[in-house]
Amino acid sequence: MIKPPNYLIVHTSWYTVEIAKMIEIAEKQLGVSNTWKLRVPGALELAAGAKRYLKRHPVKGIIFCGIV
């Protein structure tokens, strides 16, 4: 059985180049490359997206990436 990733990265859908770099840095700092990634429309939806995800999938940590 495949073990699911332990970390969730919730990110906004704007500024895709910059967000991709932020996700890359976050994964490097975590020391893992297979994280769950959840894209939400904007910064206001970051917390709501994570809350919805956590109802079904437990994780050890969450990282939020957004540019306002």
PDB file of N, CA and C in Angstrom:
ATOM      1  N   MET A   1       0.826  -1.179   0.000  1.00  0.00           N
ATOM      2  CA  MET A   1       0.000   0.000   0.000  1.00  0.00           C
ATOM      3  C   MET A   1       0.877   1.251   0.000  1.00  0.00           C
ATOM      4  N   ILE A   2       0.494   2.229  -0.804  1.00  0.00           N
ATOM      5  CA  ILE A   2       1.256   3.467  -0.909  1.00  0.00           C
ATOM      6  C   ILE A   2       0.865   4.399   0.226  1.00  0.00           C
ATOM      7  N   LYS A   3       1.876   4.914   0.922  1.00  0.00           N
ATOM      8  CA  LYS A   3       1.631   5.827   2.029  1.00  0.00           C
ATOM      9  C   LYS A   3       1.379   7.238   1.478  1.00  0.00           C
ATOM     10  N   PRO A   4       0.270   7.872   1.867  1.00  0.00           N
ATOM     11  CA  PRO A   4      -0.013   9.223   1.366  1.00  0.00           C
ATOM     12  C   PRO A   4       0.940  10.243   1.976  1.00  0.00           C
ATOM     13  N   PRO A   5       1.143  11.359   1.294  1.00  0.00           N
ATOM     14  CA  PRO A   5       2.012  12.414   1.837  1.00  0.00           C
ATOM     15  C   PRO A   5       1.490  12.946   3.169  1.00  0.00           C
ATOM     16  N   ASN A   6       2.413  13.434   3.986  1.00  0.00           N
ATOM     17  CA  ASN A   6       2.074  13.935   5.317  1.00  0.00           C
ATOM     18  C   ASN A   6       1.831  15.440   5.359  1.00  0.00           C
ATOM     19  N   TYR A   7       2.136  16.140   4.276  1.00  0.00           N
ATOM     20  CA  TYR A   7       2.046  17.593   4.286  1.00  0.00           C
ATOM     21  C   TYR A   7       1.156  18.098   3.163  1.00  0.00           C
ATOM     22  N   LEU A   8       0.458  19.172   3.446  1.00  0.00           N
ATOM     23  CA  LEU A   8      -0.432  19.817   2.495  1.00  0.00           C
ATOM     24  C   LEU A   8       0.099  21.220   2.221  1.00  0.00           C
ATOM     25  N   ILE A   9       0.217  21.556   0.947  1.00  0.00           N
ATOM     26  CA  ILE A   9       0.570  22.914   0.551  1.00  0.00           C
ATOM     27  C   ILE A   9      -0.643  23.504  -0.154  1.00  0.00           C
ATOM     28  N   VAL A  10      -1.221  24.516   0.458  1.00  0.00           N
ATOM     29  CA  VAL A  10      -2.378  25.198  -0.117  1.00  0.00           C
ATOM     30  C   VAL A  10      -1.859  26.486  -0.742  1.00  0.00           C
ATOM     31  N   HIS A  11      -2.165  26.683  -2.016  1.00  0.00           N
ATOM     32  CA  HIS A  11      -1.629  27.858  -2.707  1.00  0.00           C
ATOM     33  C   HIS A  11      -2.674  28.524  -3.588  1.00  0.00           C
ATOM     34  N   THR A  12      -2.439  29.790  -3.858  1.00  0.00           N
ATOM     35  CA  THR A  12      -3.347  30.556  -4.692  1.00  0.00           C
ATOM     36  C   THR A  12      -3.081  30.266  -6.167  1.00  0.00           C
ATOM     37  N   SER A  13      -4.040  30.617  -7.010  1.00  0.00           N
ATOM     38  CA  SER A  13      -3.907  30.324  -8.444  1.00  0.00           C
ATOM     39  C   SER A  13      -3.295  31.483  -9.230  1.00  0.00           C
ATOM     40  N   TRP A  14      -3.061  32.614  -8.584  1.00  0.00           N
ATOM     41  CA  TRP A  14      -2.452  33.760  -9.249  1.00  0.00           C
ATOM     42  C   TRP A  14      -0.930  33.686  -9.166  1.00  0.00           C
ATOM     43  N   TYR A  15      -0.240  34.369 -10.052  1.00  0.00           N
ATOM     44  CA  TYR A  15       1.226  34.447 -10.059  1.00  0.00           C
ATOM     45  C   TYR A  15       1.858  33.049 -10.049  1.00  0.00           C
ATOM     46  N   THR A  16       1.510  32.260 -11.050  1.00  0.00           N
ATOM     47  CA  THR A  16       1.898  30.844 -11.076  1.00  0.00           C
ATOM     48  C   THR A  16       3.409  30.613 -11.024  1.00  0.00           C
ATOM     49  N   VAL A  17       4.186  31.460 -11.676  1.00  0.00           N
ATOM     50  CA  VAL A  17       5.646  31.275 -11.679  1.00  0.00           C
ATOM     51  C   VAL A  17       6.201  31.467 -10.269  1.00  0.00           C
ATOM     52  N   GLU A  18       5.769  32.530  -9.611  1.00  0.00           N
ATOM     53  CA  GLU A  18       6.261  32.819  -8.266  1.00  0.00           C
ATOM     54  C   GLU A  18       5.782  31.776  -7.256  1.00  0.00           C
ATOM     55  N   ILE A  19       4.530  31.358  -7.379  1.00  0.00           N
ATOM     56  CA  ILE A  19       3.985  30.342  -6.471  1.00  0.00           C
ATOM     57  C   ILE A  19       4.713  29.016  -6.653  1.00  0.00           C
ATOM     58  N   ALA A  20       5.008  28.643  -7.899  1.00  0.00           N
ATOM     59  CA  ALA A  20       5.742  27.396  -8.150  1.00  0.00           C
ATOM     60  C   ALA A  20       7.100  27.420  -7.454  1.00  0.00           C
ATOM     61  N   LYS A  21       7.762  28.566  -7.475  1.00  0.00           N
ATOM     62  CA  LYS A  21       9.056  28.701  -6.798  1.00  0.00           C
ATOM     63  C   LYS A  21       8.886  28.573  -5.283  1.00  0.00           C
ATOM     64  N   MET A  22       7.818  29.176  -4.739  1.00  0.00           N
ATOM     65  CA  MET A  22       7.553  29.074  -3.301  1.00  0.00           C
ATOM     66  C   MET A  22       7.290  27.628  -2.891  1.00  0.00           C
ATOM     67  N   ILE A  23       6.540  26.890  -3.712  1.00  0.00           N
ATOM     68  CA  ILE A  23       6.258  25.482  -3.420  1.00  0.00           C
ATOM     69  C   ILE A  23       7.547  24.667  -3.461  1.00  0.00           C
ATOM     70  N   GLU A  24       8.385  24.946  -4.443  1.00  0.00           N
ATOM     71  CA  GLU A  24       9.669  24.241  -4.558  1.00  0.00           C
ATOM     72  C   GLU A  24      10.525  24.474  -3.309  1.00  0.00           C
ATOM     73  N   ILE A  25      10.576  25.701  -2.840  1.00  0.00           N
ATOM     74  CA  ILE A  25      11.357  26.030  -1.642  1.00  0.00           C
ATOM     75  C   ILE A  25      10.762  25.353  -0.415  1.00  0.00           C
ATOM     76  N   ALA A  26       9.435  25.361  -0.294  1.00  0.00           N
ATOM     77  CA  ALA A  26       8.779  24.724   0.853  1.00  0.00           C
ATOM     78  C   ALA A  26       9.084  23.234   0.898  1.00  0.00           C
ATOM     79  N   GLU A  27       9.000  22.558  -0.254  1.00  0.00           N
ATOM     80  CA  GLU A  27       9.303  21.122  -0.296  1.00  0.00           C
ATOM     81  C   GLU A  27      10.768  20.854   0.041  1.00  0.00           C
ATOM     82  N   LYS A  28      11.646  21.735  -0.399  1.00  0.00           N
ATOM     83  CA  LYS A  28      13.073  21.576  -0.082  1.00  0.00           C
ATOM     84  C   LYS A  28      13.297  21.713   1.422  1.00  0.00           C
ATOM     85  N   GLN A  29      12.644  22.687   2.048  1.00  0.00           N
ATOM     86  CA  GLN A  29      12.798  22.888   3.486  1.00  0.00           C
ATOM     87  C   GLN A  29      12.205  21.723   4.288  1.00  0.00           C
ATOM     88  N   LEU A  30      11.102  21.150   3.775  1.00  0.00           N
ATOM     89  CA  LEU A  30      10.499  19.991   4.440  1.00  0.00           C
ATOM     90  C   LEU A  30      11.336  18.732   4.265  1.00  0.00           C
ATOM     91  N   GLY A  31      12.118  18.684   3.196  1.00  0.00           N
ATOM     92  CA  GLY A  31      12.913  17.505   2.911  1.00  0.00           C
ATOM     93  C   GLY A  31      12.119  16.408   2.222  1.00  0.00           C
ATOM     94  N   VAL A  32      10.975  16.764   1.642  1.00  0.00           N
ATOM     95  CA  VAL A  32      10.142  15.800   0.921  1.00  0.00           C
ATOM     96  C   VAL A  32       9.725  16.413  -0.409  1.00  0.00           C
ATOM     97  N   SER A  33       9.453  15.552  -1.375  1.00  0.00           N
ATOM     98  CA  SER A  33       9.021  16.059  -2.677  1.00  0.00           C
ATOM     99  C   SER A  33       7.588  15.669  -3.002  1.00  0.00           C
ATOM    100  N   ASN A  34       7.041  14.710  -2.263  1.00  0.00           N
ATOM    101  CA  ASN A  34       5.652  14.337  -2.550  1.00  0.00           C
ATOM    102  C   ASN A  34       4.739  14.879  -1.453  1.00  0.00           C
ATOM    103  N   THR A  35       4.215  16.044  -1.721  1.00  0.00           N
ATOM    104  CA  THR A  35       3.258  16.673  -0.818  1.00  0.00           C
ATOM    105  C   THR A  35       1.934  16.789  -1.552  1.00  0.00           C
ATOM    106  N   TRP A  36       0.857  16.891  -0.813  1.00  0.00           N
ATOM    107  CA  TRP A  36      -0.426  17.194  -1.440  1.00  0.00           C
ATOM    108  C   TRP A  36      -0.420  18.677  -1.736  1.00  0.00           C
ATOM    109  N   LYS A  37      -0.896  19.033  -2.928  1.00  0.00           N
ATOM    110  CA  LYS A  37      -1.000  20.439  -3.284  1.00  0.00           C
ATOM    111  C   LYS A  37      -2.456  20.757  -3.610  1.00  0.00           C
ATOM    112  N   LEU A  38      -2.941  21.828  -3.028  1.00  0.00           N
ATOM    113  CA  LEU A  38      -4.323  22.241  -3.234  1.00  0.00           C
ATOM    114  C   LEU A  38      -4.314  23.684  -3.720  1.00  0.00           C
ATOM    115  N   ARG A  39      -4.850  23.898  -4.920  1.00  0.00           N
ATOM    116  CA  ARG A  39      -4.906  25.242  -5.489  1.00  0.00           C
ATOM    117  C   ARG A  39      -6.279  25.850  -5.209  1.00  0.00           C
ATOM    118  N   VAL A  40      -6.275  27.066  -4.702  1.00  0.00           N
ATOM    119  CA  VAL A  40      -7.518  27.786  -4.441  1.00  0.00           C
ATOM    120  C   VAL A  40      -7.485  29.082  -5.248  1.00  0.00           C
ATOM    121  N   PRO A  41      -8.656  29.704  -5.476  1.00  0.00           N
ATOM    122  CA  PRO A  41      -8.699  30.899  -6.328  1.00  0.00           C
ATOM    123  C   PRO A  41      -7.867  32.081  -5.822  1.00  0.00           C
ATOM    124  N   GLY A  42      -7.932  32.396  -4.550  1.00  0.00           N
ATOM    125  CA  GLY A  42      -7.212  33.555  -4.033  1.00  0.00           C
ATOM    126  C   GLY A  42      -6.867  33.409  -2.570  1.00  0.00           C
ATOM    127  N   ALA A  43      -6.244  34.447  -2.020  1.00  0.00           N
ATOM    128  CA  ALA A  43      -5.757  34.401  -0.641  1.00  0.00           C
ATOM    129  C   ALA A  43      -6.879  34.205   0.377  1.00  0.00           C
ATOM    130  N   LEU A  44      -8.055  34.743   0.095  1.00  0.00           N
ATOM    131  CA  LEU A  44      -9.164  34.607   1.043  1.00  0.00           C
ATOM    132  C   LEU A  44      -9.633  33.155   1.181  1.00  0.00           C
ATOM    133  N   GLU A  45      -9.381  32.337   0.179  1.00  0.00           N
ATOM    134  CA  GLU A  45      -9.831  30.939   0.206  1.00  0.00           C
ATOM    135  C   GLU A  45      -8.796  29.960   0.751  1.00  0.00           C
ATOM    136  N   LEU A  46      -7.615  30.430   1.134  1.00  0.00           N
ATOM    137  CA  LEU A  46      -6.563  29.530   1.620  1.00  0.00           C
ATOM    138  C   LEU A  46      -7.033  28.705   2.818  1.00  0.00           C
ATOM    139  N   ALA A  47      -7.519  29.352   3.857  1.00  0.00           N
ATOM    140  CA  ALA A  47      -7.936  28.640   5.072  1.00  0.00           C
ATOM    141  C   ALA A  47      -9.142  27.743   4.818  1.00  0.00           C
ATOM    142  N   ALA A  48     -10.096  28.226   4.042  1.00  0.00           N
ATOM    143  CA  ALA A  48     -11.301  27.432   3.755  1.00  0.00           C
ATOM    144  C   ALA A  48     -10.938  26.179   2.951  1.00  0.00           C
ATOM    145  N   GLY A  49     -10.002  26.308   2.021  1.00  0.00           N
ATOM    146  CA  GLY A  49      -9.573  25.146   1.242  1.00  0.00           C
ATOM    147  C   GLY A  49      -8.907  24.100   2.119  1.00  0.00           C
ATOM    148  N   ALA A  50      -8.050  24.542   3.034  1.00  0.00           N
ATOM    149  CA  ALA A  50      -7.384  23.610   3.940  1.00  0.00           C
ATOM    150  C   ALA A  50      -8.392  22.926   4.857  1.00  0.00           C
ATOM    151  N   LYS A  51      -9.347  23.685   5.356  1.00  0.00           N
ATOM    152  CA  LYS A  51     -10.362  23.115   6.241  1.00  0.00           C
ATOM    153  C   LYS A  51     -11.161  22.031   5.529  1.00  0.00           C
ATOM    154  N   ARG A  52     -11.555  22.294   4.286  1.00  0.00           N
ATOM    155  CA  ARG A  52     -12.301  21.314   3.498  1.00  0.00           C
ATOM    156  C   ARG A  52     -11.469  20.046   3.267  1.00  0.00           C
ATOM    157  N   TYR A  53     -10.184  20.226   2.975  1.00  0.00           N
ATOM    158  CA  TYR A  53      -9.298  19.095   2.722  1.00  0.00           C
ATOM    159  C   TYR A  53      -9.114  18.249   3.980  1.00  0.00           C
ATOM    160  N   LEU A  54      -8.945  18.906   5.132  1.00  0.00           N
ATOM    161  CA  LEU A  54      -8.671  18.200   6.386  1.00  0.00           C
ATOM    162  C   LEU A  54      -9.841  17.354   6.863  1.00  0.00           C
ATOM    163  N   LYS A  55     -11.030  17.635   6.393  1.00  0.00           N
ATOM    164  CA  LYS A  55     -12.185  16.830   6.785  1.00  0.00           C
ATOM    165  C   LYS A  55     -12.061  15.398   6.275  1.00  0.00           C
ATOM    166  N   ARG A  56     -11.313  15.200   5.207  1.00  0.00           N
ATOM    167  CA  ARG A  56     -11.167  13.863   4.612  1.00  0.00           C
ATOM    168  C   ARG A  56      -9.777  13.258   4.753  1.00  0.00           C
ATOM    169  N   HIS A  57      -8.759  14.105   4.839  1.00  0.00           N
ATOM    170  CA  HIS A  57      -7.378  13.614   4.816  1.00  0.00           C
ATOM    171  C   HIS A  57      -6.566  14.244   5.939  1.00  0.00           C
ATOM    172  N   PRO A  58      -6.175  13.478   6.942  1.00  0.00           N
ATOM    173  CA  PRO A  58      -5.321  14.044   7.999  1.00  0.00           C
ATOM    174  C   PRO A  58      -3.892  14.248   7.496  1.00  0.00           C
ATOM    175  N   VAL A  59      -3.260  15.306   7.929  1.00  0.00           N
ATOM    176  CA  VAL A  59      -1.873  15.586   7.570  1.00  0.00           C
ATOM    177  C   VAL A  59      -1.123  16.044   8.814  1.00  0.00           C
ATOM    178  N   LYS A  60       0.209  15.993   8.749  1.00  0.00           N
ATOM    179  CA  LYS A  60       1.034  16.449   9.872  1.00  0.00           C
ATOM    180  C   LYS A  60       1.223  17.957   9.879  1.00  0.00           C
ATOM    181  N   GLY A  61       1.183  18.556   8.703  1.00  0.00           N
ATOM    182  CA  GLY A  61       1.414  20.009   8.633  1.00  0.00           C
ATOM    183  C   GLY A  61       0.835  20.605   7.374  1.00  0.00           C
ATOM    184  N   ILE A  62       0.585  21.914   7.447  1.00  0.00           N
ATOM    185  CA  ILE A  62       0.031  22.659   6.321  1.00  0.00           C
ATOM    186  C   ILE A  62       0.899  23.880   6.071  1.00  0.00           C
ATOM    187  N   ILE A  63       1.178  24.144   4.816  1.00  0.00           N
ATOM    188  CA  ILE A  63       1.888  25.356   4.425  1.00  0.00           C
ATOM    189  C   ILE A  63       0.966  26.130   3.491  1.00  0.00           C
ATOM    190  N   PHE A  64       0.809  27.412   3.747  1.00  0.00           N
ATOM    191  CA  PHE A  64       0.001  28.281   2.910  1.00  0.00           C
ATOM    192  C   PHE A  64       0.919  29.166   2.080  1.00  0.00           C
ATOM    193  N   CYS A  65       0.668  29.216   0.773  1.00  0.00           N
ATOM    194  CA  CYS A  65       1.453  30.071  -0.124  1.00  0.00           C
ATOM    195  C   CYS A  65       0.509  30.969  -0.902  1.00  0.00           C
ATOM    196  N   GLY A  66       0.688  32.245  -0.751  1.00  0.00           N
ATOM    197  CA  GLY A  66      -0.139  33.191  -1.486  1.00  0.00           C
ATOM    198  C   GLY A  66       0.562  34.528  -1.605  1.00  0.00           C
ATOM    199  N   ILE A  67       0.268  35.235  -2.672  1.00  0.00           N
ATOM    200  CA  ILE A  67       0.823  36.558  -2.884  1.00  0.00           C
ATOM    201  C   ILE A  67      -0.350  37.524  -2.968  1.00  0.00           C
ATOM    202  N   VAL A  68      -0.321  38.520  -2.136  1.00  0.00           N
ATOM    203  CA  VAL A  68      -1.419  39.493  -2.104  1.00  0.00           C
ATOM    204  C   VAL A  68      -0.929  40.817  -2.658  1.00  0.00           C
TER     205      VAL A  68
END
